[in-house]
Amino acid sequence: MAQDYRPGDDSVQLNSIEISFLNYLVENANYKEVLFGTSKLLNTPDLLTADQMDSVCFLRGWSFYQLQKSDSAVGYLRKVRRNSPLGEKSKYYAVFNSIYIREFDSADSLLIDKSPGFENLDLLDKGGIYLLKKNLAAFDSIAGSFDFNDYTMAAEQHNLIQLADTLRKYPKKSGVLAGVMSAVVPGSGKVYTGKTAQGIAVFLETAALGLAATEYYVKKGPQSAGFIVFGSLFTFFYIGNIWGSALSVHVNRTEFYERIDNNIMVDLHVPLRRIFD
């Protein structure tokens, strides 16, 4: 347990000096050194005051966050007391890191503990979570409470609404239909998925191989080397064109959602910088 400050306690004074130095290291982005220093302090928790323990946990969590180790960052940021001067910053960066690693239940559990003066940030985070879950109905219920009056996040509130509209308008294309179309007309499934140039290229390649195989078949018969070679190539490209068209739907959808998710995370991150930094 972290103990209360006792005047004249040399260990407390030394720890304060060490924590000041760790803050200096953070300011200079020496995050690995901060992790080393905080681990030493955490080995003697009984020599830390409650405020010092908050500082150590925050510095450690912040360093993990900067090193993109969000799972570790969450664990330490959550240990900072809410009534600490670092409490709200720790809470909302723990929320952000939880959302980043898609531990939405963890983020929700932190948002249950309401923070006076941070209602708009709570709404923004909740809205971001629903968008990442692709729950547009739930997002709309949150977005209806956006007031756009807080300069620290008004632009991001508008951005989330636009991203929700983009999600709503995204065409729901079928991989099965793309495959069937390419089976009937090679390359047409690619055109259906929005890759027109690829579709035309596939059609021309497959048609050329099919014509060459047919010509060898007609002129020299099914046993000819030319028919075997071009017939095999045609079969390979034809089947590949069907599989590739069906797969394109999945790839396009994945790439689209990744772009949306990245934009959502940016819109959740920028207000934190404005508010706490």
C-alpha atoms as a PDB file:
ATOM      1  CA  MET A   1       0.000   0.000   0.000  1.00  0.00           C
ATOM      2  CA  ALA A   2       1.203   3.525  -0.797  1.00  0.00           C
ATOM      3  CA  GLN A   3       1.607   5.405   2.467  1.00  0.00           C
ATOM      4  CA  ASP A   4       0.800   9.014   3.359  1.00  0.00           C
ATOM      5  CA  TYR A   5       3.543  11.611   3.251  1.00  0.00           C
ATOM      6  CA  ARG A   6       5.552  11.897   6.445  1.00  0.00           C
ATOM      7  CA  PRO A   7       7.704  15.057   6.753  1.00  0.00           C
ATOM      8  CA  GLY A   8      11.355  14.225   7.095  1.00  0.00           C
ATOM      9  CA  ASP A   9      11.041  10.859   5.409  1.00  0.00           C
ATOM     10  CA  ASP A  10      14.195  10.706   3.262  1.00  0.00           C
ATOM     11  CA  SER A  11      12.811   7.968   0.995  1.00  0.00           C
ATOM     12  CA  VAL A  12       9.825  10.127   0.068  1.00  0.00           C
ATOM     13  CA  GLN A  13      12.121  13.028  -0.771  1.00  0.00           C
ATOM     14  CA  LEU A  14      14.346  10.812  -2.886  1.00  0.00           C
ATOM     15  CA  ASN A  15      11.336   9.355  -4.690  1.00  0.00           C
ATOM     16  CA  SER A  16      10.081  12.865  -5.477  1.00  0.00           C
ATOM     17  CA  ILE A  17      13.431  13.656  -7.069  1.00  0.00           C
ATOM     18  CA  GLU A  18      13.310  10.409  -9.042  1.00  0.00           C
ATOM     19  CA  ILE A  19       9.758  11.111 -10.255  1.00  0.00           C
ATOM     20  CA  SER A  20      10.774  14.624 -11.331  1.00  0.00           C
ATOM     21  CA  PHE A  21      13.584  13.101 -13.351  1.00  0.00           C
ATOM     22  CA  LEU A  22      11.170  10.583 -14.899  1.00  0.00           C
ATOM     23  CA  ASN A  23       8.909  13.459 -15.938  1.00  0.00           C
ATOM     24  CA  TYR A  24      11.927  15.035 -17.596  1.00  0.00           C
ATOM     25  CA  LEU A  25      12.575  11.782 -19.455  1.00  0.00           C
ATOM     26  CA  VAL A  26       8.957  11.705 -20.635  1.00  0.00           C
ATOM     27  CA  GLU A  27       9.250  15.257 -21.950  1.00  0.00           C
ATOM     28  CA  ASN A  28      12.259  14.099 -23.965  1.00  0.00           C
ATOM     29  CA  ALA A  29      10.504  10.934 -25.212  1.00  0.00           C
ATOM     30  CA  ASN A  30      12.854   8.552 -23.386  1.00  0.00           C
ATOM     31  CA  TYR A  31      10.019   6.141 -22.702  1.00  0.00           C
ATOM     32  CA  LYS A  32      12.036   2.948 -22.300  1.00  0.00           C
ATOM     33  CA  GLU A  33      14.145   4.609 -19.626  1.00  0.00           C
ATOM     34  CA  VAL A  34      10.928   5.697 -17.894  1.00  0.00           C
ATOM     35  CA  LEU A  35       9.701   2.100 -17.850  1.00  0.00           C
ATOM     36  CA  PHE A  36      12.966   1.022 -16.260  1.00  0.00           C
ATOM     37  CA  GLY A  37      12.813   3.779 -13.651  1.00  0.00           C
ATOM     38  CA  THR A  38       9.166   3.213 -12.744  1.00  0.00           C
ATOM     39  CA  SER A  39       9.718  -0.530 -12.397  1.00  0.00           C
ATOM     40  CA  LYS A  40      12.385   0.199  -9.758  1.00  0.00           C
ATOM     41  CA  LEU A  41      10.006   2.453  -7.825  1.00  0.00           C
ATOM     42  CA  LEU A  42       7.201  -0.098  -7.987  1.00  0.00           C
ATOM     43  CA  ASN A  43       9.496  -2.626  -6.338  1.00  0.00           C
ATOM     44  CA  THR A  44       9.196  -0.577  -3.119  1.00  0.00           C
ATOM     45  CA  PRO A  45       5.528   0.523  -3.078  1.00  0.00           C
ATOM     46  CA  ASP A  46       5.521   1.019   0.716  1.00  0.00           C
ATOM     47  CA  LEU A  47       8.005   3.866   0.293  1.00  0.00           C
ATOM     48  CA  LEU A  48       5.698   5.785  -2.062  1.00  0.00           C
ATOM     49  CA  THR A  49       2.987   8.203  -1.005  1.00  0.00           C
ATOM     50  CA  ALA A  50      -0.423   7.839  -2.639  1.00  0.00           C
ATOM     51  CA  ASP A  51       0.289  10.813  -4.908  1.00  0.00           C
ATOM     52  CA  GLN A  52       3.669   9.388  -5.860  1.00  0.00           C
ATOM     53  CA  MET A  53       2.093   6.041  -6.682  1.00  0.00           C
ATOM     54  CA  ASP A  54      -0.374   7.855  -8.955  1.00  0.00           C
ATOM     55  CA  SER A  55       2.511   9.609 -10.697  1.00  0.00           C
ATOM     56  CA  VAL A  56       4.485   6.396 -11.156  1.00  0.00           C
ATOM     57  CA  CYS A  57       1.490   4.505 -12.561  1.00  0.00           C
ATOM     58  CA  PHE A  58       0.654   7.395 -14.875  1.00  0.00           C
ATOM     59  CA  LEU A  59       4.214   7.747 -16.165  1.00  0.00           C
ATOM     60  CA  ARG A  60       4.442   4.020 -16.756  1.00  0.00           C
ATOM     61  CA  GLY A  61       1.059   3.864 -18.493  1.00  0.00           C
ATOM     62  CA  TRP A  62       1.859   6.959 -20.567  1.00  0.00           C
ATOM     63  CA  SER A  63       5.158   5.455 -21.688  1.00  0.00           C
ATOM     64  CA  PHE A  64       3.484   2.221 -22.735  1.00  0.00           C
ATOM     65  CA  TYR A  65       0.915   4.272 -24.663  1.00  0.00           C
ATOM     66  CA  GLN A  66       3.652   6.211 -26.473  1.00  0.00           C
ATOM     67  CA  LEU A  67       5.373   2.921 -27.321  1.00  0.00           C
ATOM     68  CA  GLN A  68       2.056   1.669 -28.775  1.00  0.00           C
ATOM     69  CA  LYS A  69       1.642  -1.031 -26.144  1.00  0.00           C
ATOM     70  CA  SER A  70      -1.951  -0.180 -25.396  1.00  0.00           C
ATOM     71  CA  ASP A  71      -2.814  -3.290 -23.392  1.00  0.00           C
ATOM     72  CA  SER A  72      -0.067  -2.511 -20.856  1.00  0.00           C
ATOM     73  CA  ALA A  73      -0.934   1.197 -20.896  1.00  0.00           C
ATOM     74  CA  VAL A  74      -4.533   0.506 -19.890  1.00  0.00           C
ATOM     75  CA  GLY A  75      -3.515  -1.543 -16.861  1.00  0.00           C
ATOM     76  CA  TYR A  76      -1.374   1.212 -15.342  1.00  0.00           C
ATOM     77  CA  LEU A  77      -3.553   4.168 -16.309  1.00  0.00           C
ATOM     78  CA  ARG A  78      -6.503   2.502 -14.595  1.00  0.00           C
ATOM     79  CA  LYS A  79      -4.540   2.352 -11.340  1.00  0.00           C
ATOM     80  CA  VAL A  80      -4.398   6.143 -11.041  1.00  0.00           C
ATOM     81  CA  ARG A  81      -6.961   7.379  -8.515  1.00  0.00           C
ATOM     82  CA  ARG A  82      -9.815   9.422  -9.982  1.00  0.00           C
ATOM     83  CA  ASN A  83      -9.326  12.153  -7.372  1.00  0.00           C
ATOM     84  CA  SER A  84      -5.677  12.537  -8.363  1.00  0.00           C
ATOM     85  CA  PRO A  85      -4.603  15.590 -10.408  1.00  0.00           C
ATOM     86  CA  LEU A  86      -3.740  12.999 -13.071  1.00  0.00           C
ATOM     87  CA  GLY A  87      -7.027  11.144 -12.623  1.00  0.00           C
ATOM     88  CA  GLU A  88      -9.081  12.440 -15.550  1.00  0.00           C
ATOM     89  CA  LYS A  89      -6.203  12.350 -18.029  1.00  0.00           C
ATOM     90  CA  SER A  90      -5.425   8.783 -16.971  1.00  0.00           C
ATOM     91  CA  LYS A  91      -9.060   7.764 -17.257  1.00  0.00           C
ATOM     92  CA  TYR A  92      -9.645   9.084 -20.758  1.00  0.00           C
ATOM     93  CA  TYR A  93      -6.350   7.838 -22.146  1.00  0.00           C
ATOM     94  CA  ALA A  94      -7.204   4.444 -20.637  1.00  0.00           C
ATOM     95  CA  VAL A  95     -10.550   4.669 -22.463  1.00  0.00           C
ATOM     96  CA  PHE A  96      -8.799   5.532 -25.728  1.00  0.00           C
ATOM     97  CA  ASN A  97      -6.270   2.711 -25.420  1.00  0.00           C
ATOM     98  CA  SER A  98      -9.035   0.248 -24.552  1.00  0.00           C
ATOM     99  CA  ILE A  99     -10.959   1.315 -27.652  1.00  0.00           C
ATOM    100  CA  TYR A 100      -7.788   1.082 -29.759  1.00  0.00           C
ATOM    101  CA  ILE A 101      -7.326  -2.585 -28.847  1.00  0.00           C
ATOM    102  CA  ARG A 102     -11.087  -3.088 -29.240  1.00  0.00           C
ATOM    103  CA  GLU A 103     -11.685  -3.910 -25.592  1.00  0.00           C
ATOM    104  CA  PHE A 104     -14.964  -2.045 -25.670  1.00  0.00           C
ATOM    105  CA  ASP A 105     -16.282  -3.490 -22.413  1.00  0.00           C
ATOM    106  CA  SER A 106     -13.215  -2.146 -20.611  1.00  0.00           C
ATOM    107  CA  ALA A 107     -13.791   1.306 -22.110  1.00  0.00           C
ATOM    108  CA  ASP A 108     -17.488   1.197 -21.182  1.00  0.00           C
ATOM    109  CA  SER A 109     -16.663   0.290 -17.597  1.00  0.00           C
ATOM    110  CA  LEU A 110     -14.511   3.425 -17.319  1.00  0.00           C
ATOM    111  CA  LEU A 111     -17.163   5.636 -18.895  1.00  0.00           C
ATOM    112  CA  ILE A 112     -19.770   4.475 -16.379  1.00  0.00           C
ATOM    113  CA  ASP A 113     -17.888   6.523 -13.780  1.00  0.00           C
ATOM    114  CA  LYS A 114     -19.094   9.969 -14.872  1.00  0.00           C
ATOM    115  CA  SER A 115     -16.696  12.910 -14.728  1.00  0.00           C
ATOM    116  CA  PRO A 116     -18.300  16.341 -14.242  1.00  0.00           C
ATOM    117  CA  GLY A 117     -17.292  18.690 -17.036  1.00  0.00           C
ATOM    118  CA  PHE A 118     -16.410  15.855 -19.423  1.00  0.00           C
ATOM    119  CA  GLU A 119     -19.921  14.948 -20.614  1.00  0.00           C
ATOM    120  CA  ASN A 120     -19.167  15.822 -24.247  1.00  0.00           C
ATOM    121  CA  LEU A 121     -16.027  13.687 -24.221  1.00  0.00           C
ATOM    122  CA  ASP A 122     -18.029  10.794 -22.772  1.00  0.00           C
ATOM    123  CA  LEU A 123     -20.534  11.131 -25.633  1.00  0.00           C
ATOM    124  CA  LEU A 124     -17.774  11.303 -28.235  1.00  0.00           C
ATOM    125  CA  ASP A 125     -16.134   8.138 -26.891  1.00  0.00           C
ATOM    126  CA  LYS A 126     -19.444   6.292 -26.714  1.00  0.00           C
ATOM    127  CA  GLY A 127     -20.268   7.357 -30.251  1.00  0.00           C
ATOM    128  CA  GLY A 128     -16.877   6.182 -31.467  1.00  0.00           C
ATOM    129  CA  ILE A 129     -17.361   2.807 -29.815  1.00  0.00           C
ATOM    130  CA  TYR A 130     -20.739   2.314 -31.505  1.00  0.00           C
ATOM    131  CA  LEU A 131     -19.306   3.274 -34.894  1.00  0.00           C
ATOM    132  CA  LEU A 132     -16.430   0.832 -34.476  1.00  0.00           C
ATOM    133  CA  LYS A 133     -19.012  -1.821 -33.636  1.00  0.00           C
ATOM    134  CA  LYS A 134     -20.946  -0.711 -36.775  1.00  0.00           C
ATOM    135  CA  ASN A 135     -24.026  -0.194 -34.580  1.00  0.00           C
ATOM    136  CA  LEU A 136     -25.456   2.792 -36.429  1.00  0.00           C
ATOM    137  CA  ALA A 137     -28.759   2.876 -34.558  1.00  0.00           C
ATOM    138  CA  ALA A 138     -26.953   3.150 -31.216  1.00  0.00           C
ATOM    139  CA  PHE A 139     -24.622   5.785 -32.659  1.00  0.00           C
ATOM    140  CA  ASP A 140     -27.563   7.878 -33.819  1.00  0.00           C
ATOM    141  CA  SER A 141     -28.990   7.843 -30.306  1.00  0.00           C
ATOM    142  CA  ILE A 142     -25.681   9.257 -29.028  1.00  0.00           C
ATOM    143  CA  ALA A 143     -25.117  11.706 -31.892  1.00  0.00           C
ATOM    144  CA  GLY A 144     -28.488  13.286 -31.163  1.00  0.00           C
ATOM    145  CA  SER A 145     -26.919  14.680 -27.974  1.00  0.00           C
ATOM    146  CA  PHE A 146     -23.921  16.287 -29.714  1.00  0.00           C
ATOM    147  CA  ASP A 147     -24.179  20.056 -29.212  1.00  0.00           C
ATOM    148  CA  PHE A 148     -21.143  21.123 -31.321  1.00  0.00           C
ATOM    149  CA  ASN A 149     -20.454  23.948 -28.860  1.00  0.00           C
ATOM    150  CA  ASP A 150     -17.218  22.564 -27.410  1.00  0.00           C
ATOM    151  CA  TYR A 151     -14.345  23.762 -29.608  1.00  0.00           C
ATOM    152  CA  THR A 152     -12.121  20.910 -28.400  1.00  0.00           C
ATOM    153  CA  MET A 153     -14.260  18.339 -30.196  1.00  0.00           C
ATOM    154  CA  ALA A 154     -16.936  20.041 -32.336  1.00  0.00           C
ATOM    155  CA  ALA A 155     -15.120  19.174 -35.583  1.00  0.00           C
ATOM    156  CA  GLU A 156     -14.724  15.565 -34.462  1.00  0.00           C
ATOM    157  CA  GLN A 157     -18.435  15.321 -33.613  1.00  0.00           C
ATOM    158  CA  HIS A 158     -19.233  16.423 -37.171  1.00  0.00           C
ATOM    159  CA  ASN A 159     -16.650  13.962 -38.517  1.00  0.00           C
ATOM    160  CA  LEU A 160     -18.209  11.011 -36.695  1.00  0.00           C
ATOM    161  CA  ILE A 161     -21.630  11.879 -38.120  1.00  0.00           C
ATOM    162  CA  GLN A 162     -20.153  12.019 -41.629  1.00  0.00           C
ATOM    163  CA  LEU A 163     -18.419   8.665 -41.086  1.00  0.00           C
ATOM    164  CA  ALA A 164     -21.735   7.169 -39.963  1.00  0.00           C
ATOM    165  CA  ASP A 165     -23.338   8.427 -43.189  1.00  0.00           C
ATOM    166  CA  THR A 166     -20.479   6.915 -45.198  1.00  0.00           C
ATOM    167  CA  LEU A 167     -21.040   3.570 -43.490  1.00  0.00           C
ATOM    168  CA  ARG A 168     -24.755   3.768 -44.239  1.00  0.00           C
ATOM    169  CA  LYS A 169     -24.122   4.416 -47.932  1.00  0.00           C
ATOM    170  CA  TYR A 170     -21.511   1.691 -48.388  1.00  0.00           C
ATOM    171  CA  PRO A 171     -22.907  -0.796 -50.938  1.00  0.00           C
ATOM    172  CA  LYS A 172     -23.484  -4.293 -49.592  1.00  0.00           C
ATOM    173  CA  LYS A 173     -21.983  -6.389 -52.364  1.00  0.00           C
ATOM    174  CA  SER A 174     -22.030 -10.183 -52.497  1.00  0.00           C
ATOM    175  CA  GLY A 175     -18.923 -12.294 -52.963  1.00  0.00           C
ATOM    176  CA  VAL A 176     -21.064 -15.146 -54.261  1.00  0.00           C
ATOM    177  CA  LEU A 177     -22.648 -12.928 -56.912  1.00  0.00           C
ATOM    178  CA  ALA A 178     -19.212 -11.611 -57.932  1.00  0.00           C
ATOM    179  CA  GLY A 179     -17.996 -15.201 -58.377  1.00  0.00           C
ATOM    180  CA  VAL A 180     -21.060 -16.228 -60.405  1.00  0.00           C
ATOM    181  CA  MET A 181     -20.723 -13.193 -62.662  1.00  0.00           C
ATOM    182  CA  SER A 182     -17.067 -14.009 -63.348  1.00  0.00           C
ATOM    183  CA  ALA A 183     -17.992 -17.611 -64.094  1.00  0.00           C
ATOM    184  CA  VAL A 184     -20.411 -16.395 -66.784  1.00  0.00           C
ATOM    185  CA  VAL A 185     -18.260 -13.560 -68.137  1.00  0.00           C
ATOM    186  CA  PRO A 186     -14.653 -13.576 -66.905  1.00  0.00           C
ATOM    187  CA  GLY A 187     -13.730 -10.279 -65.278  1.00  0.00           C
ATOM    188  CA  SER A 188     -17.299  -9.071 -64.817  1.00  0.00           C
ATOM    189  CA  GLY A 189     -17.159  -9.872 -61.083  1.00  0.00           C
ATOM    190  CA  LYS A 190     -14.165  -7.548 -60.767  1.00  0.00           C
ATOM    191  CA  VAL A 191     -16.112  -4.796 -62.519  1.00  0.00           C
ATOM    192  CA  TYR A 192     -18.995  -5.408 -60.084  1.00  0.00           C
ATOM    193  CA  THR A 193     -16.644  -4.907 -57.131  1.00  0.00           C
ATOM    194  CA  GLY A 194     -15.432  -1.592 -58.554  1.00  0.00           C
ATOM    195  CA  LYS A 195     -12.151  -2.794 -60.070  1.00  0.00           C
ATOM    196  CA  THR A 196     -13.059  -2.046 -63.690  1.00  0.00           C
ATOM    197  CA  ALA A 197      -9.515  -1.950 -65.077  1.00  0.00           C
ATOM    198  CA  GLN A 198      -8.684  -5.289 -63.462  1.00  0.00           C
ATOM    199  CA  GLY A 199     -11.923  -6.762 -64.787  1.00  0.00           C
ATOM    200  CA  ILE A 200     -11.139  -5.733 -68.358  1.00  0.00           C
ATOM    201  CA  ALA A 201      -7.581  -7.077 -68.047  1.00  0.00           C
ATOM    202  CA  VAL A 202      -8.849 -10.414 -66.718  1.00  0.00           C
ATOM    203  CA  PHE A 203     -11.389 -10.676 -69.523  1.00  0.00           C
ATOM    204  CA  LEU A 204      -8.781 -10.007 -72.213  1.00  0.00           C
ATOM    205  CA  GLU A 205      -6.260 -12.455 -70.704  1.00  0.00           C
ATOM    206  CA  THR A 206      -8.822 -15.228 -70.266  1.00  0.00           C
ATOM    207  CA  ALA A 207     -10.364 -14.646 -73.690  1.00  0.00           C
ATOM    208  CA  ALA A 208      -6.945 -14.743 -75.378  1.00  0.00           C
ATOM    209  CA  LEU A 209      -6.039 -18.019 -73.675  1.00  0.00           C
ATOM    210  CA  GLY A 210      -9.459 -19.481 -74.488  1.00  0.00           C
ATOM    211  CA  LEU A 211      -9.158 -18.542 -78.159  1.00  0.00           C
ATOM    212  CA  ALA A 212      -5.634 -19.978 -78.381  1.00  0.00           C
ATOM    213  CA  ALA A 213      -6.741 -23.246 -76.761  1.00  0.00           C
ATOM    214  CA  THR A 214      -9.735 -23.449 -79.110  1.00  0.00           C
ATOM    215  CA  GLU A 215      -7.581 -22.843 -82.165  1.00  0.00           C
ATOM    216  CA  TYR A 216      -5.149 -25.631 -81.213  1.00  0.00           C
ATOM    217  CA  TYR A 217      -8.074 -27.951 -80.474  1.00  0.00           C
ATOM    218  CA  VAL A 218      -9.673 -27.327 -83.869  1.00  0.00           C
ATOM    219  CA  LYS A 219      -6.471 -27.501 -85.893  1.00  0.00           C
ATOM    220  CA  LYS A 220      -4.413 -30.147 -84.052  1.00  0.00           C
ATOM    221  CA  GLY A 221      -6.790 -31.946 -81.723  1.00  0.00           C
ATOM    222  CA  PRO A 222      -7.069 -32.405 -77.955  1.00  0.00           C
ATOM    223  CA  GLN A 223      -3.765 -34.307 -77.709  1.00  0.00           C
ATOM    224  CA  SER A 224      -1.666 -31.498 -79.130  1.00  0.00           C
ATOM    225  CA  ALA A 225       0.894 -29.822 -76.898  1.00  0.00           C
ATOM    226  CA  GLY A 226      -0.478 -26.393 -77.767  1.00  0.00           C
ATOM    227  CA  PHE A 227      -4.002 -27.294 -76.663  1.00  0.00           C
ATOM    228  CA  ILE A 228      -2.732 -28.880 -73.416  1.00  0.00           C
ATOM    229  CA  VAL A 229      -0.602 -25.828 -72.557  1.00  0.00           C
ATOM    230  CA  PHE A 230      -3.130 -23.139 -73.445  1.00  0.00           C
ATOM    231  CA  GLY A 231      -6.061 -25.198 -72.180  1.00  0.00           C
ATOM    232  CA  SER A 232      -4.337 -25.602 -68.811  1.00  0.00           C
ATOM    233  CA  LEU A 233      -3.519 -21.891 -68.644  1.00  0.00           C
ATOM    234  CA  PHE A 234      -7.099 -20.993 -69.561  1.00  0.00           C
ATOM    235  CA  THR A 235      -8.459 -23.256 -66.827  1.00  0.00           C
ATOM    236  CA  PHE A 236      -6.054 -21.799 -64.270  1.00  0.00           C
ATOM    237  CA  PHE A 237      -6.918 -18.179 -65.162  1.00  0.00           C
ATOM    238  CA  TYR A 238     -10.648 -18.924 -65.431  1.00  0.00           C
ATOM    239  CA  ILE A 239     -10.849 -20.488 -61.962  1.00  0.00           C
ATOM    240  CA  GLY A 240      -8.570 -17.820 -60.554  1.00  0.00           C
ATOM    241  CA  ASN A 241     -10.796 -15.123 -62.011  1.00  0.00           C
ATOM    242  CA  ILE A 242     -13.827 -16.602 -60.212  1.00  0.00           C
ATOM    243  CA  TRP A 243     -12.009 -16.935 -56.886  1.00  0.00           C
ATOM    244  CA  GLY A 244     -10.371 -13.530 -57.214  1.00  0.00           C
ATOM    245  CA  SER A 245     -13.682 -11.808 -57.901  1.00  0.00           C
ATOM    246  CA  ALA A 246     -15.337 -13.373 -54.870  1.00  0.00           C
ATOM    247  CA  LEU A 247     -12.330 -12.505 -52.712  1.00  0.00           C
ATOM    248  CA  SER A 248     -12.292  -8.906 -53.961  1.00  0.00           C
ATOM    249  CA  VAL A 249     -15.592  -8.217 -52.212  1.00  0.00           C
ATOM    250  CA  HIS A 250     -14.118  -9.290 -48.878  1.00  0.00           C
ATOM    251  CA  VAL A 251     -10.849  -7.387 -49.466  1.00  0.00           C
ATOM    252  CA  ASN A 252     -12.668  -4.213 -50.499  1.00  0.00           C
ATOM    253  CA  ARG A 253     -14.955  -4.391 -47.484  1.00  0.00           C
ATOM    254  CA  THR A 254     -12.025  -4.984 -45.131  1.00  0.00           C
ATOM    255  CA  GLU A 255     -10.021  -2.078 -46.584  1.00  0.00           C
ATOM    256  CA  PHE A 256     -13.068   0.207 -46.394  1.00  0.00           C
ATOM    257  CA  TYR A 257     -13.752  -0.613 -42.737  1.00  0.00           C
ATOM    258  CA  GLU A 258     -10.066  -0.201 -41.860  1.00  0.00           C
ATOM    259  CA  ARG A 259     -10.076   3.306 -43.361  1.00  0.00           C
ATOM    260  CA  ILE A 260     -13.251   4.184 -41.457  1.00  0.00           C
ATOM    261  CA  ASP A 261     -11.893   2.748 -38.193  1.00  0.00           C
ATOM    262  CA  ASN A 262      -8.621   4.666 -38.561  1.00  0.00           C
ATOM    263  CA  ASN A 263     -10.556   7.902 -39.067  1.00  0.00           C
ATOM    264  CA  ILE A 264     -12.696   7.169 -36.019  1.00  0.00           C
ATOM    265  CA  MET A 265      -9.619   6.620 -33.858  1.00  0.00           C
ATOM    266  CA  VAL A 266      -8.114   9.913 -35.077  1.00  0.00           C
ATOM    267  CA  ASP A 267     -11.339  11.724 -34.163  1.00  0.00           C
ATOM    268  CA  LEU A 268     -11.245  10.198 -30.685  1.00  0.00           C
ATOM    269  CA  HIS A 269      -7.576  10.981 -30.187  1.00  0.00           C
ATOM    270  CA  VAL A 270      -7.341  14.618 -31.291  1.00  0.00           C
ATOM    271  CA  PRO A 271      -9.688  15.992 -28.565  1.00  0.00           C
ATOM    272  CA  LEU A 272      -7.592  14.307 -25.880  1.00  0.00           C
ATOM    273  CA  ARG A 273      -4.551  16.243 -27.054  1.00  0.00           C
ATOM    274  CA  ARG A 274      -6.499  19.493 -27.049  1.00  0.00           C
ATOM    275  CA  ILE A 275      -7.957  18.924 -23.589  1.00  0.00           C
ATOM    276  CA  PHE A 276      -5.071  17.420 -21.640  1.00  0.00           C
ATOM    277  CA  ASP A 277      -1.858  18.515 -23.365  1.00  0.00           C
END
